[in-house]
């Protein structure tokens, strides 16, 4: 290259770029050709990762919700003379007591469900089941005749309609393959859910027991990697996130309990069978947006139709409509606003926007995100106020960590809990003593 007066380093660099560009183009073309296989492999990998990570996520959420109870028991056990100076033992006993209380509550709930079901099953009148079967058969025959008339008017031959119906019948009742596959998938889903719950319980117990050690270890690691200033900002942001999401989960749980009680008591007054079961199922479903009302209506319709209580069904449906309206417009926004300290109007706006943008998942995270936005808006306002009066400097990112008092972190420090970074050996003490 020197013979031709060319710069070896320069043209070597150009050659490397050319080779890299050509390799990138070939890789993109190959990826486009095998896009379906790549997407299938990525989906399989993500499903495998999710199957592994989901118990840890569920267990972590359970530990976050139950950990305040652990701290409460540990403080009460500190009053016992034998345990006053044994902090680690008090912590382990607190975890044990929380687990015992949870198992007892779950046992009482299951016992209540079984007693209601076994005590009410004799009320089912089997003659009503026979009448219901005859009514369904008559309705199906009328629906078939109406479908034939409609498709004939649209120019679709009746033979094609019959072939489609026979295919559907074969899928459901024919050789049992379609129904068998559905049942197999259902059994697999139940088995996977049970496995996830078992491992999640194990993870939750371990996380609660080792919470002080884990928090101390990871705080030290993050402090070393991020430095004091970066770690202080991260600790404050973590405190904000934990406050918003745990507050939302706590409020949603309270709302679910109230709705379950209202539905169970109201349907009992109306005279609907299995009213306590419907109330409990509605409360559990109400933890997820949209699911609670669906569960209450479906179970109420099923029970009333089986018993032939159509008039009672109308009254029960009206009662459920009133309960869901009051909960959606008054109770739920008020409870969530108190839990995350956001105005009820903002809660309604966040739920509406989250539902429009992200469906059920959007509604689930909308309120915590609104709480975070409100917290950081207050921090920005506090920082601007200090800048105007000359009481502090820094940047907007330092609004919660610099200057004098009255920062945004103090605005949501609800009676204790700070994002301290003074001691590497201790965990960051945030709202609710979350691990």
Protein backbone atom coordinates (compact mmCIF):
# COMPACT_ATOMS: atom_id res chain seq x y z
CA UNK A 1 0.00 0.00 0.00
CA UNK A 2 2.88 2.34 0.64
CA UNK A 3 4.01 1.82 -2.99
CA UNK A 4 0.76 3.43 -4.14
CA UNK A 5 1.08 6.19 -1.51
CA UNK A 6 -1.96 4.97 0.40
CA UNK A 7 -2.47 5.23 4.13
CA UNK A 8 -2.50 1.62 5.40
CA UNK A 9 -4.34 2.41 8.65
CA UNK A 10 -6.96 4.48 6.94
CA UNK A 11 -7.79 1.96 4.24
CA UNK A 12 -7.65 -0.91 6.70
CA UNK A 13 -10.28 0.88 8.75
CA UNK A 14 -12.39 1.44 5.60
CA UNK A 15 -12.04 -2.23 4.71
CA UNK A 16 -13.19 -3.30 8.14
CA UNK A 17 -16.24 -1.05 7.89
CA UNK A 18 -17.06 -2.48 4.43
CA UNK A 19 -16.78 -6.05 5.68
CA UNK A 20 -18.86 -5.26 8.76
CA UNK A 21 -21.52 -3.54 6.62
CA UNK A 22 -21.69 -6.50 4.23
CA UNK A 23 -21.96 -8.93 7.14
CA UNK A 24 -24.74 -6.83 8.67
CA UNK A 25 -26.64 -6.80 5.36
CA UNK A 26 -26.30 -10.57 5.01
CA UNK A 27 -27.48 -11.04 8.61
CA UNK A 28 -30.52 -8.79 8.03
CA UNK A 29 -31.44 -10.67 4.84
CA UNK A 30 -31.11 -14.05 6.54
CA UNK A 31 -33.16 -12.81 9.50
CA UNK A 32 -35.89 -11.58 7.13
CA UNK A 33 -35.94 -14.92 5.30
CA UNK A 34 -36.18 -16.91 8.53
CA UNK A 35 -38.30 -14.38 10.42
CA UNK A 36 -41.03 -16.89 11.30
CA UNK A 37 -38.55 -19.40 12.75
CA UNK A 38 -36.76 -16.65 14.69
CA UNK A 39 -40.04 -15.31 16.08
CA UNK A 40 -41.10 -18.81 17.13
CA UNK A 41 -37.74 -19.41 18.85
CA UNK A 42 -37.90 -16.05 20.62
CA UNK A 43 -41.47 -16.72 21.76
CA UNK A 44 -40.48 -20.15 23.09
CA UNK A 45 -37.50 -18.66 24.92
CA UNK A 46 -39.61 -15.89 26.45
CA UNK A 47 -42.24 -18.41 27.56
CA UNK A 48 -39.49 -20.49 29.18
CA UNK A 49 -38.04 -17.44 30.92
CA UNK A 50 -41.51 -16.37 32.08
CA UNK A 51 -42.20 -19.84 33.51
CA UNK A 52 -39.02 -19.52 35.57
CA UNK A 53 -39.37 -15.88 36.60
CA UNK A 54 -43.12 -15.73 37.28
CA UNK A 55 -42.94 -17.59 40.64
CA UNK A 56 -40.20 -15.22 41.76
CA UNK A 57 -42.28 -12.19 40.75
CA UNK A 58 -45.41 -13.47 42.49
CA UNK A 59 -43.39 -14.44 45.56
CA UNK A 60 -41.73 -11.02 45.63
CA UNK A 61 -45.09 -9.24 45.48
CA UNK A 62 -46.44 -11.47 48.26
CA UNK A 63 -43.36 -10.74 50.37
CA UNK A 64 -43.79 -6.99 49.84
CA UNK A 65 -47.42 -7.15 50.95
CA UNK A 66 -46.76 -9.38 53.97
CA UNK A 67 -43.52 -7.84 55.19
CA UNK A 68 -45.18 -5.02 57.18
CA UNK A 69 -46.86 -7.76 59.21
CA UNK A 70 -43.46 -9.33 59.86
CA UNK A 71 -42.14 -6.01 61.20
CA UNK A 72 -45.25 -5.55 63.34
CA UNK A 73 -44.87 -8.97 64.97
CA UNK A 74 -41.11 -8.42 65.42
CA UNK A 75 -41.76 -5.15 67.27
CA UNK A 76 -44.36 -6.76 69.50
CA UNK A 77 -42.05 -9.69 70.27
CA UNK A 78 -39.39 -7.19 71.34
CA UNK A 79 -41.45 -6.56 74.47
CA UNK A 80 -40.86 -10.16 75.57
CA UNK A 81 -37.84 -10.22 77.95
CA UNK A 82 -36.37 -13.39 76.45
CA UNK A 83 -36.44 -11.90 72.94
CA UNK A 84 -35.60 -8.27 73.67
CA UNK A 85 -31.97 -8.56 72.56
CA UNK A 86 -32.36 -11.18 69.82
CA UNK A 87 -33.38 -9.26 66.75
CA UNK A 88 -32.75 -12.04 64.21
CA UNK A 89 -34.83 -14.54 66.19
CA UNK A 90 -37.66 -12.00 66.50
CA UNK A 91 -37.56 -11.48 62.73
CA UNK A 92 -37.77 -15.21 61.99
CA UNK A 93 -40.62 -15.63 64.49
CA UNK A 94 -42.41 -12.70 62.85
CA UNK A 95 -42.17 -14.45 59.48
CA UNK A 96 -43.48 -17.65 61.05
CA UNK A 97 -46.43 -15.88 62.67
CA UNK A 98 -47.33 -14.11 59.41
CA UNK A 99 -47.27 -17.43 57.55
CA UNK A 100 -49.44 -19.06 60.22
CA UNK A 101 -51.97 -16.22 60.07
CA UNK A 102 -52.08 -16.41 56.28
CA UNK A 103 -52.62 -20.19 56.30
CA UNK A 104 -55.34 -19.87 58.94
CA UNK A 105 -57.13 -17.16 56.95
CA UNK A 106 -56.93 -19.27 53.79
CA UNK A 107 -58.21 -22.32 55.66
CA UNK A 108 -61.16 -20.39 57.05
CA UNK A 109 -61.98 -19.14 53.55
CA UNK A 110 -61.87 -22.63 52.05
CA UNK A 111 -63.92 -24.06 54.92
CA UNK A 112 -66.53 -21.35 54.41
CA UNK A 113 -66.75 -22.10 50.71
CA UNK A 114 -67.09 -25.84 51.30
CA UNK A 115 -69.72 -25.41 53.99
CA UNK A 116 -71.80 -23.10 51.83
CA UNK A 117 -71.55 -25.38 48.81
CA UNK A 118 -72.37 -28.58 50.70
CA UNK A 119 -75.16 -26.86 52.66
CA UNK A 120 -76.78 -25.42 49.54
CA UNK A 121 -76.40 -28.20 47.00
CA UNK A 122 -79.58 -29.95 48.20
CA UNK A 123 -81.55 -26.83 47.22
CA UNK A 124 -80.99 -27.49 43.54
CA UNK A 125 -84.21 -28.81 42.07
CA UNK A 126 -83.42 -31.36 39.41
CA UNK A 127 -86.77 -30.84 37.70
CA UNK A 128 -85.56 -27.34 36.96
CA UNK A 129 -82.47 -28.82 35.34
CA UNK A 130 -84.69 -30.96 33.11
CA UNK A 131 -86.81 -27.94 32.19
CA UNK A 132 -83.67 -25.95 31.52
CA UNK A 133 -82.35 -28.67 29.20
CA UNK A 134 -85.65 -28.75 27.28
CA UNK A 135 -85.66 -24.97 27.04
CA UNK A 136 -82.09 -24.92 25.74
CA UNK A 137 -82.90 -27.61 23.16
CA UNK A 138 -85.93 -25.65 21.97
CA UNK A 139 -83.89 -22.46 21.82
CA UNK A 140 -81.13 -24.18 19.85
CA UNK A 141 -83.66 -25.49 17.33
CA UNK A 142 -85.18 -22.03 16.92
CA UNK A 143 -81.72 -20.52 16.54
CA UNK A 144 -80.87 -23.07 13.82
CA UNK A 145 -84.02 -22.27 11.84
CA UNK A 146 -83.34 -18.52 12.17
CA UNK A 147 -79.75 -19.02 11.03
CA UNK A 148 -80.88 -20.98 7.96
CA UNK A 149 -83.34 -18.23 7.01
CA UNK A 150 -80.73 -15.52 7.51
CA UNK A 151 -78.01 -17.25 5.47
CA UNK A 152 -80.50 -18.12 2.71
CA UNK A 153 -81.50 -14.45 2.45
CA UNK A 154 -77.79 -13.56 2.18
CA UNK A 155 -77.26 -16.06 -0.64
CA UNK A 156 -75.40 -18.72 1.36
CA UNK A 157 -76.52 -22.28 0.46
CA UNK A 158 -78.02 -24.22 3.39
CA UNK A 159 -75.65 -27.11 2.66
CA UNK A 160 -72.66 -24.90 3.48
CA UNK A 161 -74.27 -23.85 6.76
CA UNK A 162 -75.00 -27.46 7.67
CA UNK A 163 -71.42 -28.44 6.84
CA UNK A 164 -70.07 -25.68 9.08
CA UNK A 165 -72.37 -26.71 11.92
CA UNK A 166 -71.40 -30.36 11.54
CA UNK A 167 -67.74 -29.39 11.65
CA UNK A 168 -68.35 -27.46 14.88
CA UNK A 169 -70.30 -30.38 16.34
CA UNK A 170 -67.52 -32.79 15.40
CA UNK A 171 -64.97 -30.49 17.00
CA UNK A 172 -66.87 -30.40 20.28
CA UNK A 173 -68.59 -33.78 20.50
CA UNK A 174 -67.31 -35.92 17.61
CA UNK A 175 -64.25 -38.02 18.30
CA UNK A 176 -63.43 -35.96 21.36
CA UNK A 177 -60.17 -34.56 19.99
CA UNK A 178 -61.20 -30.92 20.16
CA UNK A 179 -62.82 -31.21 23.55
CA UNK A 180 -60.00 -33.43 24.76
CA UNK A 181 -57.40 -30.88 23.71
CA UNK A 182 -59.33 -28.16 25.49
CA UNK A 183 -59.55 -30.22 28.66
CA UNK A 184 -55.86 -31.10 28.43
CA UNK A 185 -54.94 -27.44 28.10
CA UNK A 186 -57.17 -26.60 31.05
CA UNK A 187 -55.59 -29.29 33.23
CA UNK A 188 -52.13 -28.11 32.18
CA UNK A 189 -52.98 -24.50 33.02
CA UNK A 190 -54.29 -25.51 36.45
CA UNK A 191 -51.18 -27.60 37.10
CA UNK A 192 -48.89 -24.76 36.05
CA UNK A 193 -50.80 -22.30 38.21
CA UNK A 194 -50.58 -24.62 41.21
CA UNK A 195 -46.85 -25.10 40.63
CA UNK A 196 -46.36 -21.35 40.34
CA UNK A 197 -48.23 -20.75 43.60
CA UNK A 198 -46.20 -23.39 45.47
CA UNK A 199 -42.85 -22.01 44.32
CA UNK A 200 -44.08 -18.44 44.86
CA UNK A 201 -44.90 -19.30 48.48
CA UNK A 202 -41.41 -20.75 48.94
CA UNK A 203 -39.80 -17.67 47.39
CA UNK A 204 -41.96 -15.37 49.54
CA UNK A 205 -40.89 -17.10 52.75
CA UNK A 206 -37.20 -17.02 51.82
CA UNK A 207 -37.41 -13.36 50.77
CA UNK A 208 -39.06 -12.38 54.03
CA UNK A 209 -36.56 -14.34 56.14
CA UNK A 210 -33.49 -13.04 54.30
CA UNK A 211 -34.84 -9.53 53.66
CA UNK A 212 -32.37 -7.68 55.95
CA UNK A 213 -29.36 -9.55 54.54
CA UNK A 214 -30.48 -9.17 50.91
CA UNK A 215 -31.24 -5.48 51.33
CA UNK A 216 -27.88 -4.83 53.01
CA UNK A 217 -25.97 -6.76 50.33
CA UNK A 218 -27.62 -5.14 47.32
CA UNK A 219 -27.50 -1.68 48.88
CA UNK A 220 -23.74 -2.10 49.25
CA UNK A 221 -23.39 -3.33 45.67
CA UNK A 222 -25.46 -0.48 44.22
CA UNK A 223 -23.65 2.07 46.36
CA UNK A 224 -20.31 0.81 45.04
CA UNK A 225 -21.44 0.83 41.41
CA UNK A 226 -23.40 4.09 41.41
CA UNK A 227 -21.58 6.20 43.97
CA UNK A 228 -23.13 8.06 46.88
CA UNK A 229 -24.90 10.69 44.80
CA UNK A 230 -26.30 8.25 42.23
CA UNK A 231 -27.30 5.78 44.92
CA UNK A 232 -29.11 8.49 46.86
CA UNK A 233 -31.21 9.34 43.80
CA UNK A 234 -31.88 5.67 43.10
CA UNK A 235 -32.90 5.00 46.72
CA UNK A 236 -35.30 7.92 46.63
CA UNK A 237 -36.81 6.77 43.34
CA UNK A 238 -37.16 3.24 44.71
CA UNK A 239 -38.96 4.59 47.76
CA UNK A 240 -41.35 6.50 45.50
CA UNK A 241 -42.07 3.44 43.35
CA UNK A 242 -42.62 1.16 46.35
CA UNK A 243 -44.88 3.72 47.98
CA UNK A 244 -47.00 4.11 44.82
CA UNK A 245 -47.34 0.42 43.94
CA UNK A 246 -47.76 -0.97 47.45
CA UNK A 247 -50.29 1.76 48.19
CA UNK A 248 -52.23 0.82 45.08
CA UNK A 249 -52.15 -2.89 45.90
CA UNK A 250 -53.24 -2.20 49.47
CA UNK A 251 -56.11 -0.02 48.28
CA UNK A 252 -57.17 -2.55 45.65
CA UNK A 253 -57.23 -5.29 48.30
CA UNK A 254 -59.39 -3.18 50.63
CA UNK A 255 -61.75 -2.39 47.76
CA UNK A 256 -61.99 -6.09 46.84
CA UNK A 257 -62.89 -7.00 50.43
CA UNK A 258 -65.59 -4.33 50.60
CA UNK A 259 -67.09 -5.27 47.24
CA UNK A 260 -67.09 -8.96 48.15
CA UNK A 261 -68.88 -8.21 51.41
CA UNK A 262 -71.45 -5.97 49.71
CA UNK A 263 -72.18 -8.53 47.00
CA UNK A 264 -72.41 -11.44 49.44
CA UNK A 265 -74.68 -9.62 51.90
CA UNK A 266 -76.89 -8.09 49.19
CA UNK A 267 -77.43 -11.38 47.36
CA UNK A 268 -78.15 -13.10 50.69
CA UNK A 269 -80.86 -10.52 51.40
CA UNK A 270 -82.28 -11.01 47.89
CA UNK A 271 -82.33 -14.77 48.49
CA UNK A 272 -79.85 -15.98 45.87
CA UNK A 273 -78.31 -19.35 46.60
CA UNK A 274 -74.54 -19.54 47.10
CA UNK A 275 -74.49 -15.81 47.86
CA UNK A 276 -71.37 -16.02 50.10
CA UNK A 277 -69.53 -17.98 47.40
CA UNK A 278 -70.50 -15.40 44.78
CA UNK A 279 -69.37 -12.61 47.10
CA UNK A 280 -65.97 -14.22 47.75
CA UNK A 281 -65.43 -14.95 44.05
CA UNK A 282 -66.41 -11.38 43.17
CA UNK A 283 -63.99 -9.98 45.74
CA UNK A 284 -61.13 -12.10 44.36
CA UNK A 285 -62.02 -11.14 40.81
CA UNK A 286 -62.24 -7.49 41.76
CA UNK A 287 -58.48 -7.47 42.32
CA UNK A 288 -58.22 -7.35 38.52
CA UNK A 289 -60.08 -4.58 36.63
CA UNK A 290 -63.24 -5.73 34.81
CA UNK A 291 -63.07 -9.28 36.20
CA UNK A 292 -65.08 -8.74 39.38
CA UNK A 293 -68.32 -7.60 37.69
CA UNK A 294 -68.09 -10.40 35.11
CA UNK A 295 -67.67 -13.02 37.83
CA UNK A 296 -70.60 -11.68 39.86
CA UNK A 297 -73.00 -11.54 36.90
CA UNK A 298 -72.02 -14.94 35.45
CA UNK A 299 -72.33 -16.78 38.78
CA UNK A 300 -75.60 -15.05 39.69
CA UNK A 301 -77.15 -15.83 36.31
CA UNK A 302 -76.01 -19.45 36.50
CA UNK A 303 -77.40 -20.01 40.01
CA UNK A 304 -80.73 -18.29 39.35
CA UNK A 305 -81.30 -20.00 35.98
CA UNK A 306 -80.55 -23.45 37.43
CA UNK A 307 -83.05 -22.80 40.25
CA UNK A 308 -85.61 -21.26 37.92
CA UNK A 309 -85.66 -17.95 39.86
CA UNK A 310 -85.95 -15.57 36.91
CA UNK A 311 -87.69 -12.88 38.95
CA UNK A 312 -85.02 -13.07 41.63
CA UNK A 313 -82.39 -12.89 38.87
CA UNK A 314 -83.78 -9.54 37.71
CA UNK A 315 -83.63 -8.12 41.25
CA UNK A 316 -80.13 -9.51 41.83
CA UNK A 317 -78.90 -8.07 38.53
CA UNK A 318 -80.25 -4.65 39.50
CA UNK A 319 -78.54 -4.87 42.90
CA UNK A 320 -75.24 -5.87 41.31
CA UNK A 321 -75.53 -3.01 38.84
CA UNK A 322 -75.94 -0.52 41.69
CA UNK A 323 -73.01 -2.02 43.64
CA UNK A 324 -70.68 -1.94 40.63
CA UNK A 325 -71.67 1.64 39.80
CA UNK A 326 -71.11 2.87 43.36
CA UNK A 327 -67.81 1.00 43.58
CA UNK A 328 -66.53 2.25 40.24
CA UNK A 329 -67.52 5.87 40.74
CA UNK A 330 -67.16 6.43 44.50
CA UNK A 331 -65.61 3.67 46.62
CA UNK A 332 -62.70 2.53 44.43
CA UNK A 333 -61.46 6.03 43.48
CA UNK A 334 -61.73 7.19 47.11
CA UNK A 335 -59.85 4.19 48.54
CA UNK A 336 -57.13 4.38 45.90
CA UNK A 337 -56.79 8.14 46.36
CA UNK A 338 -56.28 7.66 50.10
CA UNK A 339 -53.82 4.79 49.55
CA UNK A 340 -51.55 6.62 47.10
CA UNK A 341 -52.58 10.17 48.16
CA UNK A 342 -53.91 11.18 44.75
CA UNK A 343 -57.16 13.07 44.21
CA UNK A 344 -60.12 10.82 43.22
CA UNK A 345 -60.59 12.79 39.99
CA UNK A 346 -57.01 11.98 38.97
CA UNK A 347 -57.65 8.32 39.84
CA UNK A 348 -60.69 8.26 37.52
CA UNK A 349 -58.76 9.98 34.75
CA UNK A 350 -55.82 7.56 35.17
CA UNK A 351 -58.09 4.50 35.12
CA UNK A 352 -59.89 5.75 32.00
CA UNK A 353 -56.66 6.59 30.17
CA UNK A 354 -55.01 3.33 31.23
CA UNK A 355 -57.98 1.29 30.04
CA UNK A 356 -58.01 3.04 26.68
CA UNK A 357 -54.27 2.69 26.13
CA UNK A 358 -53.43 -0.66 27.67
CA UNK A 359 -56.63 -2.50 28.54
CA UNK A 360 -56.63 -4.43 31.82
CA UNK A 361 -52.85 -4.12 32.25
CA UNK A 362 -53.07 -0.39 31.55
CA UNK A 363 -55.72 0.06 34.23
CA UNK A 364 -53.63 -1.97 36.67
CA UNK A 365 -50.57 0.28 36.39
CA UNK A 366 -52.36 3.57 35.66
CA UNK A 367 -52.94 4.63 39.27
CA UNK A 368 -49.38 3.89 40.49
CA UNK A 369 -47.98 5.77 37.49
CA UNK A 370 -50.28 8.70 38.25
CA UNK A 371 -49.08 8.65 41.87
CA UNK A 372 -45.45 8.70 40.69
CA UNK A 373 -46.20 11.56 38.30
CA UNK A 374 -47.82 13.51 41.13
CA UNK A 375 -44.85 12.88 43.46
CA UNK A 376 -42.32 14.14 40.93
CA UNK A 377 -44.49 17.07 39.96
CA UNK A 378 -44.49 18.10 43.62
CA UNK A 379 -40.71 17.71 43.72
CA UNK A 380 -40.34 19.88 40.62
CA UNK A 381 -42.59 22.56 42.11
CA UNK A 382 -40.60 22.48 45.37
CA UNK A 383 -37.33 22.83 43.45
CA UNK A 384 -38.66 25.76 41.40
CA UNK A 385 -39.87 27.43 44.59
CA UNK A 386 -36.41 27.13 46.16
CA UNK A 387 -34.81 28.47 43.01
CA UNK A 388 -37.08 31.53 43.04
CA UNK A 389 -36.42 32.38 46.68
CA UNK A 390 -32.71 31.59 46.34
CA UNK A 391 -32.84 28.87 48.93
CA UNK A 392 -31.06 26.16 46.97
CA UNK A 393 -29.37 25.30 43.77
CA UNK A 394 -28.78 22.18 41.77
CA UNK A 395 -30.83 20.74 38.98
CA UNK A 396 -34.28 19.33 38.70
CA UNK A 397 -32.87 15.85 39.19
CA UNK A 398 -31.59 16.96 42.57
CA UNK A 399 -34.96 18.31 43.68
CA UNK A 400 -35.42 15.50 46.15
CA UNK A 401 -31.80 15.30 47.32
CA UNK A 402 -30.44 18.87 47.58
CA UNK A 403 -31.36 22.12 49.24
CA UNK A 404 -33.14 22.63 52.49
CA UNK A 405 -36.25 20.89 53.77
CA UNK A 406 -39.60 20.65 52.08
CA UNK A 407 -38.49 18.37 49.27
CA UNK A 408 -40.76 16.10 47.32
CA UNK A 409 -39.50 13.13 49.29
CA UNK A 410 -40.88 14.76 52.41
CA UNK A 411 -44.20 15.34 50.67
CA UNK A 412 -44.96 11.62 50.65
CA UNK A 413 -43.03 10.51 53.71
CA UNK A 414 -46.18 9.30 55.46
CA UNK A 415 -45.32 9.21 59.11
CA UNK A 416 -41.94 7.54 58.80
CA UNK A 417 -39.63 5.97 56.30
CA UNK A 418 -36.87 7.70 54.44
CA UNK A 419 -34.60 6.82 51.60
CA UNK A 420 -31.43 7.02 53.69
CA UNK A 421 -28.02 6.17 52.37
CA UNK A 422 -25.98 6.77 55.51
CA UNK A 423 -25.00 3.22 56.43
CA UNK A 424 -23.93 0.48 54.06
CA UNK A 425 -24.66 -2.24 56.57
CA UNK A 426 -28.35 -1.46 56.84
CA UNK A 427 -31.16 -1.62 54.33
CA UNK A 428 -32.85 1.45 53.00
CA UNK A 429 -35.83 2.02 55.26
CA UNK A 430 -38.72 2.90 53.00
CA UNK A 431 -42.44 3.20 53.50
CA UNK A 432 -43.89 0.04 54.97
CA UNK A 433 -40.44 -1.51 55.73
CA UNK A 434 -40.47 -3.36 52.45
CA UNK A 435 -37.55 -5.77 51.92
